[in-house]
Amino acid sequence: MTKFMPTDFRLIEARQPPLKDQYDEWLARVICYAFSVPASAFVSQVNRATSERLRLQATQEEPCR
């Protein structure tokens, strides 16, 4: 499966790939859950009330041993 290209071939991307997508956000949530850390810093923005509730919930949870 060899592809032959001309020597002056240059790949020009139409647009840049996204730096963060929904999979990255989901993965950050899972990892933060595993370490009992609030995920609000790694996921899309939430309003202040939700953020405060998540922070309090994270501090009240006992870490896994």
Protein backbone atom coordinates (compact mmCIF):
# COMPACT_ATOMS: atom_id res chain seq x y z
CA MET A 1 0.00 0.00 0.00
CA THR A 2 2.54 2.53 -1.13
CA LYS A 3 1.37 5.93 -2.28
CA PHE A 4 3.52 7.86 -4.69
CA MET A 5 3.45 11.64 -4.44
CA PRO A 6 5.24 14.31 -6.43
CA THR A 7 8.33 15.76 -4.78
CA ASP A 8 6.82 19.22 -4.41
CA PHE A 9 3.59 17.95 -2.84
CA ARG A 10 2.30 20.05 0.09
CA LEU A 11 -0.71 19.16 2.18
CA ILE A 12 -2.95 22.17 2.74
CA GLU A 13 -5.64 21.65 5.34
CA ALA A 14 -8.91 23.48 4.76
CA ARG A 15 -9.32 24.13 8.48
CA GLN A 16 -7.46 23.34 11.66
CA PRO A 17 -8.68 20.39 13.72
CA PRO A 18 -10.36 21.39 17.00
CA LEU A 19 -8.14 21.46 20.07
CA LYS A 20 -10.92 20.12 22.28
CA ASP A 21 -14.07 18.20 21.44
CA GLN A 22 -16.83 16.37 23.30
CA TYR A 23 -14.72 13.24 23.78
CA ASP A 24 -11.99 15.26 25.51
CA GLU A 25 -14.59 16.82 27.81
CA TRP A 26 -16.07 13.43 28.66
CA LEU A 27 -12.60 12.00 29.35
CA ALA A 28 -11.80 14.93 31.65
CA ARG A 29 -15.04 14.33 33.57
CA VAL A 30 -14.25 10.63 34.04
CA ILE A 31 -10.70 11.30 35.22
CA CYS A 32 -11.83 14.05 37.61
CA TYR A 33 -14.52 11.73 38.99
CA ALA A 34 -11.92 9.02 39.59
CA PHE A 35 -9.77 11.44 41.61
CA SER A 36 -12.72 13.21 43.32
CA VAL A 37 -11.74 16.52 41.79
CA PRO A 38 -14.24 19.06 40.41
CA ALA A 39 -14.22 18.97 36.62
CA SER A 40 -15.43 22.54 36.18
CA ALA A 41 -11.97 23.76 35.13
CA PHE A 42 -11.76 21.22 32.30
CA VAL A 43 -15.26 21.27 30.82
CA SER A 44 -17.37 23.87 29.07
CA GLN A 45 -18.54 26.74 31.19
CA VAL A 46 -21.27 26.39 33.77
CA ASN A 47 -23.02 29.17 35.61
CA ARG A 48 -21.81 30.33 39.01
CA ALA A 49 -24.49 28.52 41.06
CA THR A 50 -23.74 25.18 39.43
CA SER A 51 -20.02 25.70 39.82
CA GLU A 52 -20.38 26.52 43.51
CA ARG A 53 -22.57 23.44 44.07
CA LEU A 54 -20.05 21.20 42.30
CA ARG A 55 -17.19 22.63 44.34
CA LEU A 56 -19.03 22.03 47.62
CA GLN A 57 -19.96 18.51 46.55
CA ALA A 58 -16.35 17.71 45.68
CA THR A 59 -15.08 18.95 49.05
CA GLN A 60 -17.69 16.94 50.95
CA GLU A 61 -16.92 13.66 49.21
CA GLU A 62 -14.39 11.48 50.95
CA PRO A 63 -11.46 10.45 48.73
CA CYS A 64 -11.18 6.79 47.71
CA ARG A 65 -8.65 4.71 49.62
